[in-house]
Amino acid sequence: QGTPYLFGGTTRLGLDCSGLLQLSFGEAG
């Protein structure tokens, strides 16, 4: 929460909507 939006982003520097879910599920294996 609070991470800025970035098209194509997949890090805490910036995320897009699908990237957020891919990272979140990935952290849960």
PDB file of all heavy atoms in Angstrom:
ATOM      1  N   GLN A   1       0.833  -1.205   0.000  1.00  0.00           N
ATOM      2  CA  GLN A   1       0.000   0.000   0.000  1.00  0.00           C
ATOM      3  C   GLN A   1       0.869   1.257   0.000  1.00  0.00           C
ATOM      4  O   GLN A   1       1.839   1.358   0.738  1.00  0.00           O
ATOM      5  CB  GLN A   1      -0.941   0.002   1.203  1.00  0.00           C
ATOM      6  CG  GLN A   1      -2.070  -1.005   1.061  1.00  0.00           C
ATOM      7  CD  GLN A   1      -3.154  -0.822   2.096  1.00  0.00           C
ATOM      8  OE1 GLN A   1      -3.492   0.289   2.468  1.00  0.00           O
ATOM      9  NE2 GLN A   1      -3.715  -1.923   2.574  1.00  0.00           N
ATOM     10  N   GLY A   2       0.506   2.191  -0.850  1.00  0.00           N
ATOM     11  CA  GLY A   2       1.280   3.420  -0.971  1.00  0.00           C
ATOM     12  C   GLY A   2       2.292   3.388  -2.094  1.00  0.00           C
ATOM     13  O   GLY A   2       2.825   4.437  -2.480  1.00  0.00           O
ATOM     14  N   THR A   3       2.555   2.188  -2.642  1.00  0.00           N
ATOM     15  CA  THR A   3       3.481   2.090  -3.774  1.00  0.00           C
ATOM     16  C   THR A   3       2.861   2.777  -4.991  1.00  0.00           C
ATOM     17  O   THR A   3       1.697   2.529  -5.308  1.00  0.00           O
ATOM     18  CB  THR A   3       3.767   0.613  -4.121  1.00  0.00           C
ATOM     19  OG1 THR A   3       4.347  -0.029  -2.979  1.00  0.00           O
ATOM     20  CG2 THR A   3       4.724   0.503  -5.296  1.00  0.00           C
ATOM     21  N   PRO A   4       3.587   3.642  -5.669  1.00  0.00           N
ATOM     22  CA  PRO A   4       3.009   4.356  -6.821  1.00  0.00           C
ATOM     23  C   PRO A   4       2.746   3.432  -7.997  1.00  0.00           C
ATOM     24  O   PRO A   4       3.360   2.367  -8.123  1.00  0.00           O
ATOM     25  CB  PRO A   4       4.085   5.395  -7.160  1.00  0.00           C
ATOM     26  CG  PRO A   4       5.357   4.807  -6.649  1.00  0.00           C
ATOM     27  CD  PRO A   4       4.988   4.055  -5.395  1.00  0.00           C
ATOM     28  N   TYR A   5       1.826   3.852  -8.860  1.00  0.00           N
ATOM     29  CA  TYR A   5       1.517   3.080 -10.058  1.00  0.00           C
ATOM     30  C   TYR A   5       2.604   3.293 -11.099  1.00  0.00           C
ATOM     31  O   TYR A   5       3.094   4.406 -11.307  1.00  0.00           O
ATOM     32  CB  TYR A   5       0.175   3.516 -10.649  1.00  0.00           C
ATOM     33  CG  TYR A   5      -0.187   2.743 -11.903  1.00  0.00           C
ATOM     34  CD1 TYR A   5      -0.889   1.549 -11.823  1.00  0.00           C
ATOM     35  CD2 TYR A   5       0.186   3.214 -13.160  1.00  0.00           C
ATOM     36  CE1 TYR A   5      -1.208   0.833 -12.965  1.00  0.00           C
ATOM     37  CE2 TYR A   5      -0.124   2.505 -14.308  1.00  0.00           C
ATOM     38  CZ  TYR A   5      -0.820   1.314 -14.205  1.00  0.00           C
ATOM     39  OH  TYR A   5      -1.133   0.603 -15.339  1.00  0.00           O
ATOM     40  N   LEU A   6       2.999   2.203 -11.755  1.00  0.00           N
ATOM     41  CA  LEU A   6       3.957   2.273 -12.851  1.00  0.00           C
ATOM     42  C   LEU A   6       3.597   1.195 -13.856  1.00  0.00           C
ATOM     43  O   LEU A   6       3.592   0.004 -13.521  1.00  0.00           O
ATOM     44  CB  LEU A   6       5.385   2.071 -12.343  1.00  0.00           C
ATOM     45  CG  LEU A   6       6.479   2.031 -13.419  1.00  0.00           C
ATOM     46  CD1 LEU A   6       6.578   3.377 -14.131  1.00  0.00           C
ATOM     47  CD2 LEU A   6       7.820   1.644 -12.803  1.00  0.00           C
ATOM     48  N   PHE A   7       3.240   1.596 -15.064  1.00  0.00           N
ATOM     49  CA  PHE A   7       2.879   0.620 -16.093  1.00  0.00           C
ATOM     50  C   PHE A   7       4.032  -0.347 -16.322  1.00  0.00           C
ATOM     51  O   PHE A   7       5.168   0.064 -16.580  1.00  0.00           O
ATOM     52  CB  PHE A   7       2.529   1.335 -17.399  1.00  0.00           C
ATOM     53  CG  PHE A   7       2.127   0.385 -18.497  1.00  0.00           C
ATOM     54  CD1 PHE A   7       0.879  -0.214 -18.488  1.00  0.00           C
ATOM     55  CD2 PHE A   7       3.012   0.078 -19.517  1.00  0.00           C
ATOM     56  CE1 PHE A   7       0.509  -1.101 -19.488  1.00  0.00           C
ATOM     57  CE2 PHE A   7       2.654  -0.800 -20.530  1.00  0.00           C
ATOM     58  CZ  PHE A   7       1.401  -1.392 -20.510  1.00  0.00           C
ATOM     59  N   GLY A   8       3.753  -1.637 -16.187  1.00  0.00           N
ATOM     60  CA  GLY A   8       4.785  -2.651 -16.351  1.00  0.00           C
ATOM     61  C   GLY A   8       5.632  -2.859 -15.107  1.00  0.00           C
ATOM     62  O   GLY A   8       6.521  -3.722 -15.089  1.00  0.00           O
ATOM     63  N   GLY A   9       5.362  -2.083 -14.041  1.00  0.00           N
ATOM     64  CA  GLY A   9       6.170  -2.155 -12.826  1.00  0.00           C
ATOM     65  C   GLY A   9       5.941  -3.429 -12.029  1.00  0.00           C
ATOM     66  O   GLY A   9       4.807  -3.903 -11.905  1.00  0.00           O
ATOM     67  N   THR A  10       7.012  -3.956 -11.473  1.00  0.00           N
ATOM     68  CA  THR A  10       6.917  -5.179 -10.673  1.00  0.00           C
ATOM     69  C   THR A  10       7.768  -5.101  -9.406  1.00  0.00           C
ATOM     70  O   THR A  10       8.185  -6.130  -8.864  1.00  0.00           O
ATOM     71  CB  THR A  10       7.367  -6.412 -11.504  1.00  0.00           C
ATOM     72  OG1 THR A  10       8.705  -6.196 -11.985  1.00  0.00           O
ATOM     73  CG2 THR A  10       6.439  -6.659 -12.673  1.00  0.00           C
ATOM     74  N   THR A  11       8.049  -3.894  -8.921  1.00  0.00           N
ATOM     75  CA  THR A  11       8.842  -3.727  -7.707  1.00  0.00           C
ATOM     76  C   THR A  11       8.178  -2.695  -6.807  1.00  0.00           C
ATOM     77  O   THR A  11       7.201  -2.062  -7.187  1.00  0.00           O
ATOM     78  CB  THR A  11      10.279  -3.250  -8.033  1.00  0.00           C
ATOM     79  OG1 THR A  11      10.230  -1.877  -8.456  1.00  0.00           O
ATOM     80  CG2 THR A  11      10.912  -4.097  -9.120  1.00  0.00           C
ATOM     81  N   ARG A  12       8.749  -2.503  -5.622  1.00  0.00           N
ATOM     82  CA  ARG A  12       8.207  -1.510  -4.684  1.00  0.00           C
ATOM     83  C   ARG A  12       8.445  -0.080  -5.156  1.00  0.00           C
ATOM     84  O   ARG A  12       7.906   0.861  -4.573  1.00  0.00           O
ATOM     85  CB  ARG A  12       8.805  -1.720  -3.284  1.00  0.00           C
ATOM     86  CG  ARG A  12       8.311  -3.009  -2.634  1.00  0.00           C
ATOM     87  CD  ARG A  12       8.734  -3.130  -1.193  1.00  0.00           C
ATOM     88  NE  ARG A  12       8.268  -4.389  -0.626  1.00  0.00           N
ATOM     89  CZ  ARG A  12       7.068  -4.578  -0.089  1.00  0.00           C
ATOM     90  NH1 ARG A  12       6.228  -3.563  -0.032  1.00  0.00           N
ATOM     91  NH2 ARG A  12       6.718  -5.748   0.392  1.00  0.00           N
ATOM     92  N   LEU A  13       9.215   0.089  -6.199  1.00  0.00           N
ATOM     93  CA  LEU A  13       9.401   1.417  -6.774  1.00  0.00           C
ATOM     94  C   LEU A  13       8.190   1.806  -7.623  1.00  0.00           C
ATOM     95  O   LEU A  13       7.934   2.990  -7.848  1.00  0.00           O
ATOM     96  CB  LEU A  13      10.661   1.456  -7.634  1.00  0.00           C
ATOM     97  CG  LEU A  13      11.983   1.245  -6.890  1.00  0.00           C
ATOM     98  CD1 LEU A  13      13.144   1.255  -7.877  1.00  0.00           C
ATOM     99  CD2 LEU A  13      12.169   2.326  -5.834  1.00  0.00           C
ATOM    100  N   GLY A  14       7.434   0.812  -8.071  1.00  0.00           N
ATOM    101  CA  GLY A  14       6.260   1.066  -8.890  1.00  0.00           C
ATOM    102  C   GLY A  14       5.630  -0.224  -9.362  1.00  0.00           C
ATOM    103  O   GLY A  14       6.353  -1.180  -9.691  1.00  0.00           O
ATOM    104  N   LEU A  15       4.289  -0.268  -9.369  1.00  0.00           N
ATOM    105  CA  LEU A  15       3.566  -1.477  -9.748  1.00  0.00           C
ATOM    106  C   LEU A  15       2.384  -1.134 -10.643  1.00  0.00           C
ATOM    107  O   LEU A  15       1.782  -0.067 -10.507  1.00  0.00           O
ATOM    108  CB  LEU A  15       3.017  -2.181  -8.499  1.00  0.00           C
ATOM    109  CG  LEU A  15       3.994  -2.853  -7.538  1.00  0.00           C
ATOM    110  CD1 LEU A  15       3.277  -3.191  -6.239  1.00  0.00           C
ATOM    111  CD2 LEU A  15       4.550  -4.116  -8.172  1.00  0.00           C
ATOM    112  N   ASP A  16       2.049  -2.057 -11.540  1.00  0.00           N
ATOM    113  CA  ASP A  16       0.754  -1.942 -12.199  1.00  0.00           C
ATOM    114  C   ASP A  16      -0.185  -2.955 -11.542  1.00  0.00           C
ATOM    115  O   ASP A  16       0.217  -3.704 -10.642  1.00  0.00           O
ATOM    116  CB  ASP A  16       0.857  -2.118 -13.718  1.00  0.00           C
ATOM    117  CG  ASP A  16       1.386  -3.481 -14.151  1.00  0.00           C
ATOM    118  OD1 ASP A  16       1.389  -4.421 -13.326  1.00  0.00           O
ATOM    119  OD2 ASP A  16       1.787  -3.616 -15.321  1.00  0.00           O
ATOM    120  N   CYS A  17      -1.451  -2.969 -11.974  1.00  0.00           N
ATOM    121  CA  CYS A  17      -2.466  -3.761 -11.262  1.00  0.00           C
ATOM    122  C   CYS A  17      -2.179  -5.259 -11.282  1.00  0.00           C
ATOM    123  O   CYS A  17      -2.250  -5.931 -10.245  1.00  0.00           O
ATOM    124  CB  CYS A  17      -3.854  -3.464 -11.824  1.00  0.00           C
ATOM    125  SG  CYS A  17      -4.041  -3.799 -13.592  1.00  0.00           S
ATOM    126  N   SER A  18      -1.835  -5.792 -12.446  1.00  0.00           N
ATOM    127  CA  SER A  18      -1.575  -7.233 -12.530  1.00  0.00           C
ATOM    128  C   SER A  18      -0.240  -7.590 -11.885  1.00  0.00           C
ATOM    129  O   SER A  18      -0.065  -8.693 -11.345  1.00  0.00           O
ATOM    130  CB  SER A  18      -1.614  -7.705 -13.985  1.00  0.00           C
ATOM    131  OG  SER A  18      -0.712  -6.959 -14.781  1.00  0.00           O
ATOM    132  N   GLY A  19       0.708  -6.648 -11.936  1.00  0.00           N
ATOM    133  CA  GLY A  19       1.996  -6.880 -11.281  1.00  0.00           C
ATOM    134  C   GLY A  19       1.849  -7.007  -9.776  1.00  0.00           C
ATOM    135  O   GLY A  19       2.523  -7.820  -9.136  1.00  0.00           O
ATOM    136  N   LEU A  20       0.961  -6.204  -9.179  1.00  0.00           N
ATOM    137  CA  LEU A  20       0.705  -6.287  -7.743  1.00  0.00           C
ATOM    138  C   LEU A  20       0.226  -7.679  -7.370  1.00  0.00           C
ATOM    139  O   LEU A  20       0.707  -8.275  -6.394  1.00  0.00           O
ATOM    140  CB  LEU A  20      -0.344  -5.252  -7.331  1.00  0.00           C
ATOM    141  CG  LEU A  20      -0.919  -5.405  -5.923  1.00  0.00           C
ATOM    142  CD1 LEU A  20       0.154  -5.153  -4.867  1.00  0.00           C
ATOM    143  CD2 LEU A  20      -2.108  -4.467  -5.722  1.00  0.00           C
ATOM    144  N   LEU A  21      -0.702  -8.223  -8.144  1.00  0.00           N
ATOM    145  CA  LEU A  21      -1.230  -9.547  -7.816  1.00  0.00           C
ATOM    146  C   LEU A  21      -0.201 -10.640  -8.060  1.00  0.00           C
ATOM    147  O   LEU A  21      -0.094 -11.583  -7.261  1.00  0.00           O
ATOM    148  CB  LEU A  21      -2.499  -9.821  -8.632  1.00  0.00           C
ATOM    149  CG  LEU A  21      -3.666  -8.876  -8.368  1.00  0.00           C
ATOM    150  CD1 LEU A  21      -4.932  -9.407  -9.019  1.00  0.00           C
ATOM    151  CD2 LEU A  21      -3.900  -8.686  -6.879  1.00  0.00           C
ATOM    152  N   GLN A  22       0.560 -10.528  -9.132  1.00  0.00           N
ATOM    153  CA  GLN A  22       1.578 -11.537  -9.400  1.00  0.00           C
ATOM    154  C   GLN A  22       2.612 -11.581  -8.275  1.00  0.00           C
ATOM    155  O   GLN A  22       2.999 -12.673  -7.813  1.00  0.00           O
ATOM    156  CB  GLN A  22       2.266 -11.263 -10.731  1.00  0.00           C
ATOM    157  CG  GLN A  22       3.217 -12.388 -11.142  1.00  0.00           C
ATOM    158  CD  GLN A  22       3.917 -12.092 -12.451  1.00  0.00           C
ATOM    159  OE1 GLN A  22       4.511 -11.020 -12.614  1.00  0.00           O
ATOM    160  NE2 GLN A  22       3.863 -13.029 -13.389  1.00  0.00           N
ATOM    161  N   LEU A  23       3.044 -10.413  -7.802  1.00  0.00           N
ATOM    162  CA  LEU A  23       4.007 -10.370  -6.706  1.00  0.00           C
ATOM    163  C   LEU A  23       3.414 -10.901  -5.407  1.00  0.00           C
ATOM    164  O   LEU A  23       4.062 -11.649  -4.669  1.00  0.00           O
ATOM    165  CB  LEU A  23       4.489  -8.930  -6.489  1.00  0.00           C
ATOM    166  CG  LEU A  23       5.540  -8.389  -7.464  1.00  0.00           C
ATOM    167  CD1 LEU A  23       5.875  -6.951  -7.101  1.00  0.00           C
ATOM    168  CD2 LEU A  23       6.786  -9.249  -7.454  1.00  0.00           C
ATOM    169  N   SER A  24       2.165 -10.518  -5.117  1.00  0.00           N
ATOM    170  CA  SER A  24       1.531 -10.912  -3.859  1.00  0.00           C
ATOM    171  C   SER A  24       1.313 -12.421  -3.795  1.00  0.00           C
ATOM    172  O   SER A  24       1.587 -13.060  -2.762  1.00  0.00           O
ATOM    173  CB  SER A  24       0.194 -10.188  -3.699  1.00  0.00           C
ATOM    174  OG  SER A  24       0.396  -8.788  -3.700  1.00  0.00           O
ATOM    175  N   PHE A  25       0.831 -13.002  -4.885  1.00  0.00           N
ATOM    176  CA  PHE A  25       0.671 -14.460  -4.924  1.00  0.00           C
ATOM    177  C   PHE A  25       2.037 -15.140  -4.889  1.00  0.00           C
ATOM    178  O   PHE A  25       2.209 -16.175  -4.244  1.00  0.00           O
ATOM    179  CB  PHE A  25      -0.105 -14.887  -6.173  1.00  0.00           C
ATOM    180  CG  PHE A  25      -1.597 -14.829  -6.010  1.00  0.00           C
ATOM    181  CD1 PHE A  25      -2.299 -13.699  -6.389  1.00  0.00           C
ATOM    182  CD2 PHE A  25      -2.297 -15.911  -5.472  1.00  0.00           C
ATOM    183  CE1 PHE A  25      -3.682 -13.637  -6.247  1.00  0.00           C
ATOM    184  CE2 PHE A  25      -3.681 -15.856  -5.317  1.00  0.00           C
ATOM    185  CZ  PHE A  25      -4.377 -14.716  -5.703  1.00  0.00           C
ATOM    186  N   GLY A  26       3.020 -14.538  -5.588  1.00  0.00           N
ATOM    187  CA  GLY A  26       4.355 -15.122  -5.608  1.00  0.00           C
ATOM    188  C   GLY A  26       4.977 -15.195  -4.228  1.00  0.00           C
ATOM    189  O   GLY A  26       5.653 -16.179  -3.885  1.00  0.00           O
ATOM    190  N   GLU A  27       4.749 -14.165  -3.394  1.00  0.00           N
ATOM    191  CA  GLU A  27       5.292 -14.180  -2.033  1.00  0.00           C
ATOM    192  C   GLU A  27       4.663 -15.282  -1.180  1.00  0.00           C
ATOM    193  O   GLU A  27       5.232 -15.687  -0.177  1.00  0.00           O
ATOM    194  CB  GLU A  27       5.083 -12.814  -1.380  1.00  0.00           C
ATOM    195  CG  GLU A  27       5.965 -11.723  -1.977  1.00  0.00           C
ATOM    196  CD  GLU A  27       5.860 -10.403  -1.228  1.00  0.00           C
ATOM    197  OE1 GLU A  27       5.426 -10.421  -0.063  1.00  0.00           O
ATOM    198  OE2 GLU A  27       6.205  -9.366  -1.824  1.00  0.00           O
ATOM    199  N   ALA A  28       3.468 -15.745  -1.594  1.00  0.00           N
ATOM    200  CA  ALA A  28       2.810 -16.847  -0.886  1.00  0.00           C
ATOM    201  C   ALA A  28       3.105 -18.189  -1.549  1.00  0.00           C
ATOM    202  O   ALA A  28       2.503 -19.206  -1.197  1.00  0.00           O
ATOM    203  CB  ALA A  28       1.302 -16.605  -0.850  1.00  0.00           C
ATOM    204  N   GLY A  29       4.018 -18.177  -2.522  1.00  0.00           N
ATOM    205  CA  GLY A  29       4.423 -19.418  -3.175  1.00  0.00           C
ATOM    206  C   GLY A  29       3.524 -19.876  -4.297  1.00  0.00           C
ATOM    207  O   GLY A  29       3.561 -21.038  -4.699  1.00  0.00           O
TER     208      GLY A  29
END
